[in-house]
Structures are given as structure tokens and as C-alpha cells.
Amino acid sequence: MLLIDCPFCGPRAEIEFRCGGESHIQRPGPHTEVSDAEWADYLYNRENPKGEHRERWFHAAGCRRWFNAARDTVTHRFRVTYKMGEACPEAGESAVSEAAPGAVAGGVI
């Protein structure tokens, strides 16, 4: 089972969460100066990296709040979760540090 560490509720089972896609995407503007191509790029084009990726997550069956996460797309391991509006903590200064496999800090059990 994959555990996701909600920054508000603590570790919970993955079934309680919904992924909201890539995070930290800046909306283009002002709207009167945005071309159709720029708008289409904002709406439809997303990164699809192999490795660490920043994502938005929603705790649907818990606190019902949105938060951000840095997750490895290969291993599905969450390196860190952090509140919306905050910058992604760098490795070593995260509130949820990298833990040994099987640990509760976003690891796989």
C-alpha cells in the first residue's frame, strides 16, 4: 500500500487522495494579451518527466484540502509533501524527509 503524508492530517492510504496534475504552473496574462497558442499551451501541455515531478494532490476522503508533492514517477515514492503556496523544500530541509523503504514518510509499505 502506498502511504501519502498529507501536510494537514499526516500519513494516509493512497485511496483517500486524488492527483490534480502538475503543480507550479503559471497562468499566462493579462488575458487581453495572451495568444491562442499560449493559452492552448497553458491548458494542455504538461511535463512528463522520468524521475522527480511536482504535483498537486487533493485529500478527498480526509481534510479536503489541496497540497503539493514531489514524487518520483518511476518508483512512485513521495520525497516530500508541502502546503499550497509554499516552495518545494530541497532535499535535506524537507518536513517529510526521505525515509527508509517501508517507512511512513510517503514510502511504499
PDB file of N, CA and C in Angstrom:
ATOM      1  N   MET A   1       0.843  -1.172   0.000  1.00  0.00           N
ATOM      2  CA  MET A   1       0.000   0.000   0.000  1.00  0.00           C
ATOM      3  C   MET A   1       0.886   1.232   0.000  1.00  0.00           C
ATOM      4  N   LEU A   2       0.514   2.231  -0.772  1.00  0.00           N
ATOM      5  CA  LEU A   2       1.235   3.490  -0.822  1.00  0.00           C
ATOM      6  C   LEU A   2       0.647   4.437   0.205  1.00  0.00           C
ATOM      7  N   LEU A   3       1.494   4.994   1.061  1.00  0.00           N
ATOM      8  CA  LEU A   3       1.063   5.983   2.036  1.00  0.00           C
ATOM      9  C   LEU A   3       1.473   7.363   1.557  1.00  0.00           C
ATOM     10  N   ILE A   4       0.553   8.297   1.634  1.00  0.00           N
ATOM     11  CA  ILE A   4       0.822   9.687   1.264  1.00  0.00           C
ATOM     12  C   ILE A   4       0.712  10.509   2.533  1.00  0.00           C
ATOM     13  N   ASP A   5       1.728  11.316   2.797  1.00  0.00           N
ATOM     14  CA  ASP A   5       1.764  12.113   4.017  1.00  0.00           C
ATOM     15  C   ASP A   5       1.106  13.466   3.764  1.00  0.00           C
ATOM     16  N   CYS A   6      -0.173  13.590   4.124  1.00  0.00           N
ATOM     17  CA  CYS A   6      -0.889  14.854   3.996  1.00  0.00           C
ATOM     18  C   CYS A   6      -0.256  15.851   4.965  1.00  0.00           C
ATOM     19  N   PRO A   7       0.092  17.067   4.519  1.00  0.00           N
ATOM     20  CA  PRO A   7       0.709  18.032   5.424  1.00  0.00           C
ATOM     21  C   PRO A   7      -0.248  18.511   6.529  1.00  0.00           C
ATOM     22  N   PHE A   8      -1.530  18.216   6.395  1.00  0.00           N
ATOM     23  CA  PHE A   8      -2.519  18.632   7.387  1.00  0.00           C
ATOM     24  C   PHE A   8      -2.943  17.484   8.305  1.00  0.00           C
ATOM     25  N   CYS A   9      -3.047  16.259   7.771  1.00  0.00           N
ATOM     26  CA  CYS A   9      -3.594  15.111   8.510  1.00  0.00           C
ATOM     27  C   CYS A   9      -2.572  14.043   8.859  1.00  0.00           C
ATOM     28  N   GLY A  10      -1.419  14.067   8.211  1.00  0.00           N
ATOM     29  CA  GLY A  10      -0.434  13.020   8.425  1.00  0.00           C
ATOM     30  C   GLY A  10      -0.582  11.900   7.402  1.00  0.00           C
ATOM     31  N   PRO A  11       0.096  10.782   7.611  1.00  0.00           N
ATOM     32  CA  PRO A  11       0.097   9.682   6.646  1.00  0.00           C
ATOM     33  C   PRO A  11      -1.268   9.006   6.517  1.00  0.00           C
ATOM     34  N   ARG A  12      -1.692   8.822   5.259  1.00  0.00           N
ATOM     35  CA  ARG A  12      -2.971   8.162   4.979  1.00  0.00           C
ATOM     36  C   ARG A  12      -2.799   7.276   3.740  1.00  0.00           C
ATOM     37  N   ALA A  13      -3.706   6.337   3.558  1.00  0.00           N
ATOM     38  CA  ALA A  13      -3.668   5.428   2.409  1.00  0.00           C
ATOM     39  C   ALA A  13      -3.945   6.191   1.120  1.00  0.00           C
ATOM     40  N   GLU A  14      -3.321   5.758   0.041  1.00  0.00           N
ATOM     41  CA  GLU A  14      -3.443   6.435  -1.248  1.00  0.00           C
ATOM     42  C   GLU A  14      -4.880   6.535  -1.749  1.00  0.00           C
ATOM     43  N   ILE A  15      -5.750   5.634  -1.339  1.00  0.00           N
ATOM     44  CA  ILE A  15      -7.129   5.627  -1.810  1.00  0.00           C
ATOM     45  C   ILE A  15      -7.891   6.889  -1.372  1.00  0.00           C
ATOM     46  N   GLU A  16      -7.395   7.588  -0.350  1.00  0.00           N
ATOM     47  CA  GLU A  16      -8.040   8.807   0.142  1.00  0.00           C
ATOM     48  C   GLU A  16      -7.729  10.028  -0.720  1.00  0.00           C
ATOM     49  N   PHE A  17      -6.799   9.919  -1.660  1.00  0.00           N
ATOM     50  CA  PHE A  17      -6.295  11.079  -2.396  1.00  0.00           C
ATOM     51  C   PHE A  17      -6.636  11.021  -3.882  1.00  0.00           C
ATOM     52  N   ARG A  18      -6.622  12.185  -4.506  1.00  0.00           N
ATOM     53  CA  ARG A  18      -6.786  12.321  -5.955  1.00  0.00           C
ATOM     54  C   ARG A  18      -5.670  13.226  -6.468  1.00  0.00           C
ATOM     55  N   CYS A  19      -5.043  12.814  -7.553  1.00  0.00           N
ATOM     56  CA  CYS A  19      -3.978  13.617  -8.155  1.00  0.00           C
ATOM     57  C   CYS A  19      -4.594  14.711  -9.020  1.00  0.00           C
ATOM     58  N   GLY A  20      -4.075  15.908  -8.901  1.00  0.00           N
ATOM     59  CA  GLY A  20      -4.582  17.044  -9.666  1.00  0.00           C
ATOM     60  C   GLY A  20      -3.643  17.497 -10.766  1.00  0.00           C
ATOM     61  N   GLY A  21      -2.645  16.700 -11.082  1.00  0.00           N
ATOM     62  CA  GLY A  21      -1.733  17.043 -12.170  1.00  0.00           C
ATOM     63  C   GLY A  21      -0.540  17.859 -11.716  1.00  0.00           C
ATOM     64  N   GLU A  22       0.174  18.381 -12.686  1.00  0.00           N
ATOM     65  CA  GLU A  22       1.397  19.127 -12.443  1.00  0.00           C
ATOM     66  C   GLU A  22       1.127  20.380 -11.618  1.00  0.00           C
ATOM     67  N   SER A  23       2.036  20.696 -10.715  1.00  0.00           N
ATOM     68  CA  SER A  23       1.882  21.893  -9.886  1.00  0.00           C
ATOM     69  C   SER A  23       2.826  23.005 -10.354  1.00  0.00           C
ATOM     70  N   HIS A  24       2.664  24.152  -9.761  1.00  0.00           N
ATOM     71  CA  HIS A  24       3.501  25.330 -10.012  1.00  0.00           C
ATOM     72  C   HIS A  24       3.425  25.795 -11.473  1.00  0.00           C
ATOM     73  N   ILE A  25       2.243  25.746 -12.051  1.00  0.00           N
ATOM     74  CA  ILE A  25       2.048  26.215 -13.420  1.00  0.00           C
ATOM     75  C   ILE A  25       1.510  27.639 -13.358  1.00  0.00           C
ATOM     76  N   GLN A  26       2.180  28.543 -14.033  1.00  0.00           N
ATOM     77  CA  GLN A  26       1.809  29.952 -14.012  1.00  0.00           C
ATOM     78  C   GLN A  26       0.828  30.258 -15.143  1.00  0.00           C
ATOM     79  N   ARG A  27      -0.334  30.793 -14.785  1.00  0.00           N
ATOM     80  CA  ARG A  27      -1.336  31.173 -15.782  1.00  0.00           C
ATOM     81  C   ARG A  27      -0.837  32.393 -16.560  1.00  0.00           C
ATOM     82  N   PRO A  28      -0.920  32.353 -17.897  1.00  0.00           N
ATOM     83  CA  PRO A  28      -0.453  33.494 -18.688  1.00  0.00           C
ATOM     84  C   PRO A  28      -1.409  34.678 -18.551  1.00  0.00           C
ATOM     85  N   GLY A  29      -0.894  35.836 -18.717  1.00  0.00           N
ATOM     86  CA  GLY A  29      -1.766  37.004 -18.625  1.00  0.00           C
ATOM     87  C   GLY A  29      -0.983  38.254 -18.909  1.00  0.00           C
ATOM     88  N   PRO A  30      -1.650  39.360 -19.000  1.00  0.00           N
ATOM     89  CA  PRO A  30      -3.088  39.566 -18.852  1.00  0.00           C
ATOM     90  C   PRO A  30      -3.860  38.941 -20.021  1.00  0.00           C
ATOM     91  N   HIS A  31      -5.110  38.616 -19.757  1.00  0.00           N
ATOM     92  CA  HIS A  31      -5.885  37.824 -20.721  1.00  0.00           C
ATOM     93  C   HIS A  31      -6.058  38.508 -22.071  1.00  0.00           C
ATOM     94  N   THR A  32      -6.003  39.813 -22.127  1.00  0.00           N
ATOM     95  CA  THR A  32      -6.162  40.526 -23.406  1.00  0.00           C
ATOM     96  C   THR A  32      -4.921  40.407 -24.280  1.00  0.00           C
ATOM     97  N   GLU A  33      -3.804  39.976 -23.713  1.00  0.00           N
ATOM     98  CA  GLU A  33      -2.553  39.902 -24.471  1.00  0.00           C
ATOM     99  C   GLU A  33      -2.072  38.465 -24.714  1.00  0.00           C
ATOM    100  N   VAL A  34      -2.861  37.477 -24.325  1.00  0.00           N
ATOM    101  CA  VAL A  34      -2.455  36.077 -24.478  1.00  0.00           C
ATOM    102  C   VAL A  34      -2.934  35.546 -25.825  1.00  0.00           C
ATOM    103  N   SER A  35      -2.007  34.985 -26.583  1.00  0.00           N
ATOM    104  CA  SER A  35      -2.365  34.422 -27.884  1.00  0.00           C
ATOM    105  C   SER A  35      -3.067  33.078 -27.696  1.00  0.00           C
ATOM    106  N   ASP A  36      -3.724  32.615 -28.744  1.00  0.00           N
ATOM    107  CA  ASP A  36      -4.380  31.311 -28.706  1.00  0.00           C
ATOM    108  C   ASP A  36      -3.367  30.188 -28.465  1.00  0.00           C
ATOM    109  N   ALA A  37      -2.191  30.323 -29.057  1.00  0.00           N
ATOM    110  CA  ALA A  37      -1.151  29.306 -28.883  1.00  0.00           C
ATOM    111  C   ALA A  37      -0.666  29.270 -27.434  1.00  0.00           C
ATOM    112  N   GLU A  38      -0.471  30.437 -26.819  1.00  0.00           N
ATOM    113  CA  GLU A  38      -0.048  30.485 -25.412  1.00  0.00           C
ATOM    114  C   GLU A  38      -1.120  29.895 -24.493  1.00  0.00           C
ATOM    115  N   TRP A  39      -2.381  30.212 -24.766  1.00  0.00           N
ATOM    116  CA  TRP A  39      -3.481  29.696 -23.960  1.00  0.00           C
ATOM    117  C   TRP A  39      -3.589  28.170 -24.104  1.00  0.00           C
ATOM    118  N   ALA A  40      -3.478  27.665 -25.325  1.00  0.00           N
ATOM    119  CA  ALA A  40      -3.528  26.221 -25.564  1.00  0.00           C
ATOM    120  C   ALA A  40      -2.371  25.522 -24.849  1.00  0.00           C
ATOM    121  N   ASP A  41      -1.184  26.129 -24.881  1.00  0.00           N
ATOM    122  CA  ASP A  41      -0.029  25.562 -24.189  1.00  0.00           C
ATOM    123  C   ASP A  41      -0.296  25.482 -22.691  1.00  0.00           C
ATOM    124  N   TYR A  42      -0.874  26.532 -22.114  1.00  0.00           N
ATOM    125  CA  TYR A  42      -1.202  26.552 -20.687  1.00  0.00           C
ATOM    126  C   TYR A  42      -2.230  25.477 -20.327  1.00  0.00           C
ATOM    127  N   LEU A  43      -3.228  25.304 -21.154  1.00  0.00           N
ATOM    128  CA  LEU A  43      -4.305  24.355 -20.856  1.00  0.00           C
ATOM    129  C   LEU A  43      -3.913  22.899 -21.054  1.00  0.00           C
ATOM    130  N   TYR A  44      -3.137  22.604 -22.090  1.00  0.00           N
ATOM    131  CA  TYR A  44      -2.966  21.214 -22.499  1.00  0.00           C
ATOM    132  C   TYR A  44      -1.570  20.626 -22.369  1.00  0.00           C
ATOM    133  N   ASN A  45      -0.541  21.429 -22.387  1.00  0.00           N
ATOM    134  CA  ASN A  45       0.814  20.882 -22.400  1.00  0.00           C
ATOM    135  C   ASN A  45       1.387  20.811 -20.996  1.00  0.00           C
ATOM    136  N   ARG A  46       1.836  19.626 -20.614  1.00  0.00           N
ATOM    137  CA  ARG A  46       2.405  19.387 -19.296  1.00  0.00           C
ATOM    138  C   ARG A  46       3.700  18.608 -19.436  1.00  0.00           C
ATOM    139  N   GLU A  47       4.539  18.737 -18.408  1.00  0.00           N
ATOM    140  CA  GLU A  47       5.770  17.958 -18.346  1.00  0.00           C
ATOM    141  C   GLU A  47       5.394  16.496 -18.096  1.00  0.00           C
ATOM    142  N   ASN A  48       6.213  15.599 -18.578  1.00  0.00           N
ATOM    143  CA  ASN A  48       6.012  14.178 -18.325  1.00  0.00           C
ATOM    144  C   ASN A  48       7.381  13.543 -18.086  1.00  0.00           C
ATOM    145  N   PRO A  49       8.021  13.939 -16.972  1.00  0.00           N
ATOM    146  CA  PRO A  49       9.405  13.509 -16.767  1.00  0.00           C
ATOM    147  C   PRO A  49       9.510  12.078 -16.256  1.00  0.00           C
ATOM    148  N   LYS A  50      10.657  11.515 -16.469  1.00  0.00           N
ATOM    149  CA  LYS A  50      11.005  10.243 -15.843  1.00  0.00           C
ATOM    150  C   LYS A  50      11.898  10.630 -14.662  1.00  0.00           C
ATOM    151  N   GLY A  51      11.338  10.543 -13.467  1.00  0.00           N
ATOM    152  CA  GLY A  51      12.059  10.975 -12.268  1.00  0.00           C
ATOM    153  C   GLY A  51      11.170  11.877 -11.427  1.00  0.00           C
ATOM    154  N   GLU A  52      11.791  12.759 -10.663  1.00  0.00           N
ATOM    155  CA  GLU A  52      11.025  13.598  -9.739  1.00  0.00           C
ATOM    156  C   GLU A  52      10.162  14.620 -10.466  1.00  0.00           C
ATOM    157  N   HIS A  53       8.950  14.762  -9.981  1.00  0.00           N
ATOM    158  CA  HIS A  53       7.940  15.617 -10.609  1.00  0.00           C
ATOM    159  C   HIS A  53       7.141  16.309  -9.506  1.00  0.00           C
ATOM    160  N   ARG A  54       6.792  17.572  -9.706  1.00  0.00           N
ATOM    161  CA  ARG A  54       5.966  18.304  -8.740  1.00  0.00           C
ATOM    162  C   ARG A  54       4.501  18.173  -9.146  1.00  0.00           C
ATOM    163  N   GLU A  55       3.642  17.753  -8.205  1.00  0.00           N
ATOM    164  CA  GLU A  55       2.227  17.518  -8.495  1.00  0.00           C
ATOM    165  C   GLU A  55       1.339  18.140  -7.429  1.00  0.00           C
ATOM    166  N   ARG A  56       0.078  18.395  -7.815  1.00  0.00           N
ATOM    167  CA  ARG A  56      -0.943  18.825  -6.859  1.00  0.00           C
ATOM    168  C   ARG A  56      -1.740  17.593  -6.450  1.00  0.00           C
ATOM    169  N   TRP A  57      -2.105  17.502  -5.175  1.00  0.00           N
ATOM    170  CA  TRP A  57      -2.891  16.384  -4.670  1.00  0.00           C
ATOM    171  C   TRP A  57      -4.028  16.920  -3.815  1.00  0.00           C
ATOM    172  N   PHE A  58      -5.149  16.213  -3.833  1.00  0.00           N
ATOM    173  CA  PHE A  58      -6.345  16.585  -3.077  1.00  0.00           C
ATOM    174  C   PHE A  58      -6.669  15.463  -2.097  1.00  0.00           C
ATOM    175  N   HIS A  59      -6.818  15.788  -0.825  1.00  0.00           N
ATOM    176  CA  HIS A  59      -7.160  14.787   0.187  1.00  0.00           C
ATOM    177  C   HIS A  59      -8.679  14.675   0.243  1.00  0.00           C
ATOM    178  N   ALA A  60      -9.235  13.928  -0.691  1.00  0.00           N
ATOM    179  CA  ALA A  60     -10.683  13.835  -0.896  1.00  0.00           C
ATOM    180  C   ALA A  60     -11.420  13.183   0.268  1.00  0.00           C
ATOM    181  N   ALA A  61     -10.826  12.182   0.903  1.00  0.00           N
ATOM    182  CA  ALA A  61     -11.514  11.454   1.972  1.00  0.00           C
ATOM    183  C   ALA A  61     -10.991  11.849   3.350  1.00  0.00           C
ATOM    184  N   GLY A  62     -10.391  13.017   3.433  1.00  0.00           N
ATOM    185  CA  GLY A  62      -9.845  13.481   4.709  1.00  0.00           C
ATOM    186  C   GLY A  62     -10.193  14.939   4.932  1.00  0.00           C
ATOM    187  N   CYS A  63      -9.172  15.773   4.969  1.00  0.00           N
ATOM    188  CA  CYS A  63      -9.355  17.197   5.266  1.00  0.00           C
ATOM    189  C   CYS A  63      -9.926  17.988   4.090  1.00  0.00           C
ATOM    190  N   ARG A  64      -9.978  17.382   2.906  1.00  0.00           N
ATOM    191  CA  ARG A  64     -10.480  18.000   1.681  1.00  0.00           C
ATOM    192  C   ARG A  64      -9.684  19.257   1.298  1.00  0.00           C
ATOM    193  N   ARG A  65      -8.390  19.202   1.522  1.00  0.00           N
ATOM    194  CA  ARG A  65      -7.503  20.311   1.159  1.00  0.00           C
ATOM    195  C   ARG A  65      -6.547  19.876   0.051  1.00  0.00           C
ATOM    196  N   TRP A  66      -6.099  20.864  -0.723  1.00  0.00           N
ATOM    197  CA  TRP A  66      -5.091  20.647  -1.756  1.00  0.00           C
ATOM    198  C   TRP A  66      -3.712  20.858  -1.149  1.00  0.00           C
ATOM    199  N   PHE A  67      -2.726  20.110  -1.661  1.00  0.00           N
ATOM    200  CA  PHE A  67      -1.336  20.307  -1.281  1.00  0.00           C
ATOM    201  C   PHE A  67      -0.462  19.891  -2.456  1.00  0.00           C
ATOM    202  N   ASN A  68       0.816  20.194  -2.370  1.00  0.00           N
ATOM    203  CA  ASN A  68       1.774  19.833  -3.409  1.00  0.00           C
ATOM    204  C   ASN A  68       2.645  18.683  -2.929  1.00  0.00           C
ATOM    205  N   ALA A  69       3.204  17.969  -3.882  1.00  0.00           N
ATOM    206  CA  ALA A  69       4.103  16.858  -3.564  1.00  0.00           C
ATOM    207  C   ALA A  69       5.193  16.765  -4.620  1.00  0.00           C
ATOM    208  N   ALA A  70       6.368  16.342  -4.189  1.00  0.00           N
ATOM    209  CA  ALA A  70       7.454  15.985  -5.108  1.00  0.00           C
ATOM    210  C   ALA A  70       7.489  14.464  -5.123  1.00  0.00           C
ATOM    211  N   ARG A  71       7.162  13.874  -6.286  1.00  0.00           N
ATOM    212  CA  ARG A  71       7.035  12.424  -6.406  1.00  0.00           C
ATOM    213  C   ARG A  71       7.890  11.922  -7.561  1.00  0.00           C
ATOM    214  N   ASP A  72       8.513  10.785  -7.363  1.00  0.00           N
ATOM    215  CA  ASP A  72       9.291  10.143  -8.414  1.00  0.00           C
ATOM    216  C   ASP A  72       8.340   9.324  -9.282  1.00  0.00           C
ATOM    217  N   THR A  73       8.302   9.613 -10.563  1.00  0.00           N
ATOM    218  CA  THR A  73       7.362   8.944 -11.463  1.00  0.00           C
ATOM    219  C   THR A  73       7.779   7.513 -11.800  1.00  0.00           C
ATOM    220  N   VAL A  74       9.008   7.149 -11.500  1.00  0.00           N
ATOM    221  CA  VAL A  74       9.473   5.788 -11.764  1.00  0.00           C
ATOM    222  C   VAL A  74       9.123   4.864 -10.596  1.00  0.00           C
ATOM    223  N   THR A  75       9.432   5.314  -9.382  1.00  0.00           N
ATOM    224  CA  THR A  75       9.221   4.478  -8.194  1.00  0.00           C
ATOM    225  C   THR A  75       7.911   4.800  -7.471  1.00  0.00           C
ATOM    226  N   HIS A  76       7.277   5.886  -7.814  1.00  0.00           N
ATOM    227  CA  HIS A  76       6.062   6.394  -7.162  1.00  0.00           C
ATOM    228  C   HIS A  76       6.312   6.851  -5.726  1.00  0.00           C
ATOM    229  N   ARG A  77       7.560   6.970  -5.335  1.00  0.00           N
ATOM    230  CA  ARG A  77       7.920   7.390  -3.986  1.00  0.00           C
ATOM    231  C   ARG A  77       7.753   8.903  -3.853  1.00  0.00           C
ATOM    232  N   PHE A  78       7.076   9.323  -2.786  1.00  0.00           N
ATOM    233  CA  PHE A  78       6.912  10.738  -2.482  1.00  0.00           C
ATOM    234  C   PHE A  78       8.132  11.192  -1.676  1.00  0.00           C
ATOM    235  N   ARG A  79       8.893  12.151  -2.212  1.00  0.00           N
ATOM    236  CA  ARG A  79      10.043  12.679  -1.470  1.00  0.00           C
ATOM    237  C   ARG A  79       9.565  13.623  -0.386  1.00  0.00           C
ATOM    238  N   VAL A  80       8.587  14.469  -0.709  1.00  0.00           N
ATOM    239  CA  VAL A  80       8.104  15.458   0.252  1.00  0.00           C
ATOM    240  C   VAL A  80       6.698  15.906  -0.146  1.00  0.00           C
ATOM    241  N   THR A  81       5.896  16.262   0.841  1.00  0.00           N
ATOM    242  CA  THR A  81       4.619  16.927   0.606  1.00  0.00           C
ATOM    243  C   THR A  81       4.686  18.265   1.315  1.00  0.00           C
ATOM    244  N   TYR A  82       4.025  19.279   0.749  1.00  0.00           N
ATOM    245  CA  TYR A  82       4.080  20.620   1.322  1.00  0.00           C
ATOM    246  C   TYR A  82       2.820  21.385   0.947  1.00  0.00           C
ATOM    247  N   LYS A  83       2.491  22.391   1.737  1.00  0.00           N
ATOM    248  CA  LYS A  83       1.252  23.138   1.574  1.00  0.00           C
ATOM    249  C   LYS A  83       1.272  23.989   0.309  1.00  0.00           C
ATOM    250  N   MET A  84       0.084  24.239  -0.236  1.00  0.00           N
ATOM    251  CA  MET A  84      -0.048  25.109  -1.407  1.00  0.00           C
ATOM    252  C   MET A  84       0.506  26.494  -1.058  1.00  0.00           C
ATOM    253  N   GLY A  85       1.135  27.130  -2.019  1.00  0.00           N
ATOM    254  CA  GLY A  85       1.707  28.450  -1.813  1.00  0.00           C
ATOM    255  C   GLY A  85       3.129  28.433  -1.296  1.00  0.00           C
ATOM    256  N   GLU A  86       3.602  27.285  -0.847  1.00  0.00           N
ATOM    257  CA  GLU A  86       4.975  27.157  -0.379  1.00  0.00           C
ATOM    258  C   GLU A  86       5.857  26.654  -1.512  1.00  0.00           C
ATOM    259  N   ALA A  87       7.136  26.997  -1.446  1.00  0.00           N
ATOM    260  CA  ALA A  87       8.098  26.463  -2.407  1.00  0.00           C
ATOM    261  C   ALA A  87       8.424  25.031  -2.030  1.00  0.00           C
ATOM    262  N   CYS A  88       8.804  24.250  -3.011  1.00  0.00           N
ATOM    263  CA  CYS A  88       9.170  22.855  -2.752  1.00  0.00           C
ATOM    264  C   CYS A  88      10.463  22.822  -1.947  1.00  0.00           C
ATOM    265  N   PRO A  89      10.440  22.192  -0.767  1.00  0.00           N
ATOM    266  CA  PRO A  89      11.675  22.085   0.023  1.00  0.00           C
ATOM    267  C   PRO A  89      12.722  21.272  -0.728  1.00  0.00           C
ATOM    268  N   GLU A  90      13.948  21.681  -0.606  1.00  0.00           N
ATOM    269  CA  GLU A  90      15.044  20.943  -1.222  1.00  0.00           C
ATOM    270  C   GLU A  90      15.341  19.708  -0.379  1.00  0.00           C
ATOM    271  N   ALA A  91      16.011  18.757  -0.961  1.00  0.00           N
ATOM    272  CA  ALA A  91      16.380  17.545  -0.221  1.00  0.00           C
ATOM    273  C   ALA A  91      17.214  17.946   0.989  1.00  0.00           C
ATOM    274  N   GLY A  92      16.901  17.372   2.132  1.00  0.00           N
ATOM    275  CA  GLY A  92      17.647  17.663   3.342  1.00  0.00           C
ATOM    276  C   GLY A  92      16.963  18.672   4.238  1.00  0.00           C
ATOM    277  N   GLU A  93      16.098  19.540   3.691  1.00  0.00           N
ATOM    278  CA  GLU A  93      15.415  20.523   4.524  1.00  0.00           C
ATOM    279  C   GLU A  93      13.909  20.304   4.516  1.00  0.00           C
ATOM    280  N   SER A  94      13.464  19.159   4.043  1.00  0.00           N
ATOM    281  CA  SER A  94      12.037  18.900   3.935  1.00  0.00           C
ATOM    282  C   SER A  94      11.429  18.520   5.277  1.00  0.00           C
ATOM    283  N   ALA A  95      10.158  18.838   5.428  1.00  0.00           N
ATOM    284  CA  ALA A  95       9.423  18.465   6.629  1.00  0.00           C
ATOM    285  C   ALA A  95       9.231  16.952   6.676  1.00  0.00           C
ATOM    286  N   VAL A  96       9.080  16.348   5.517  1.00  0.00           N
ATOM    287  CA  VAL A  96       8.956  14.897   5.418  1.00  0.00           C
ATOM    288  C   VAL A  96      10.195  14.425   4.679  1.00  0.00           C
ATOM    289  N   SER A  97      11.221  14.088   5.407  1.00  0.00           N
ATOM    290  CA  SER A  97      12.492  13.741   4.778  1.00  0.00           C
ATOM    291  C   SER A  97      12.423  12.363   4.160  1.00  0.00           C
ATOM    292  N   GLU A  98      13.409  12.088   3.327  1.00  0.00           N
ATOM    293  CA  GLU A  98      13.461  10.772   2.705  1.00  0.00           C
ATOM    294  C   GLU A  98      13.655   9.734   3.803  1.00  0.00           C
ATOM    295  N   ALA A  99      12.858   8.711   3.756  1.00  0.00           N
ATOM    296  CA  ALA A  99      12.903   7.677   4.790  1.00  0.00           C
ATOM    297  C   ALA A  99      13.271   6.338   4.166  1.00  0.00           C
ATOM    298  N   ALA A 100      13.582   5.420   5.009  1.00  0.00           N
ATOM    299  CA  ALA A 100      13.897   4.076   4.540  1.00  0.00           C
ATOM    300  C   ALA A 100      12.666   3.446   3.911  1.00  0.00           C
ATOM    301  N   PRO A 101      12.835   2.536   2.954  1.00  0.00           N
ATOM    302  CA  PRO A 101      11.677   1.869   2.356  1.00  0.00           C
ATOM    303  C   PRO A 101      10.797   1.248   3.431  1.00  0.00           C
ATOM    304  N   GLY A 102       9.504   1.422   3.273  1.00  0.00           N
ATOM    305  CA  GLY A 102       8.562   0.886   4.242  1.00  0.00           C
ATOM    306  C   GLY A 102       8.224   1.861   5.350  1.00  0.00           C
ATOM    307  N   ALA A 103       8.927   2.985   5.411  1.00  0.00           N
ATOM    308  CA  ALA A 103       8.631   3.979   6.442  1.00  0.00           C
ATOM    309  C   ALA A 103       7.379   4.748   6.039  1.00  0.00           C
ATOM    310  N   VAL A 104       6.832   5.483   6.974  1.00  0.00           N
ATOM    311  CA  VAL A 104       5.558   6.162   6.756  1.00  0.00           C
ATOM    312  C   VAL A 104       5.703   7.449   5.968  1.00  0.00           C
ATOM    313  N   ALA A 105       6.879   7.986   5.818  1.00  0.00           N
ATOM    314  CA  ALA A 105       7.064   9.271   5.174  1.00  0.00           C
ATOM    315  C   ALA A 105       6.888   9.189   3.660  1.00  0.00           C
ATOM    316  N   GLY A 106       5.730   8.775   3.210  1.00  0.00           N
ATOM    317  CA  GLY A 106       5.442   8.709   1.794  1.00  0.00           C
ATOM    318  C   GLY A 106       6.016   7.499   1.105  1.00  0.00           C
ATOM    319  N   GLY A 107       6.400   6.514   1.854  1.00  0.00           N
ATOM    320  CA  GLY A 107       7.007   5.329   1.274  1.00  0.00           C
ATOM    321  C   GLY A 107       5.979   4.293   0.874  1.00  0.00           C
ATOM    322  N   VAL A 108       6.454   3.217   0.355  1.00  0.00           N
ATOM    323  CA  VAL A 108       5.584   2.111  -0.040  1.00  0.00           C
ATOM    324  C   VAL A 108       5.692   1.038   1.033  1.00  0.00           C
ATOM    325  N   ILE A 109       4.559   0.562   1.484  1.00  0.00           N
ATOM    326  CA  ILE A 109       4.538  -0.486   2.515  1.00  0.00           C
ATOM    327  C   ILE A 109       3.942  -1.743   1.919  1.00  0.00           C
TER     328      ILE A 109
END
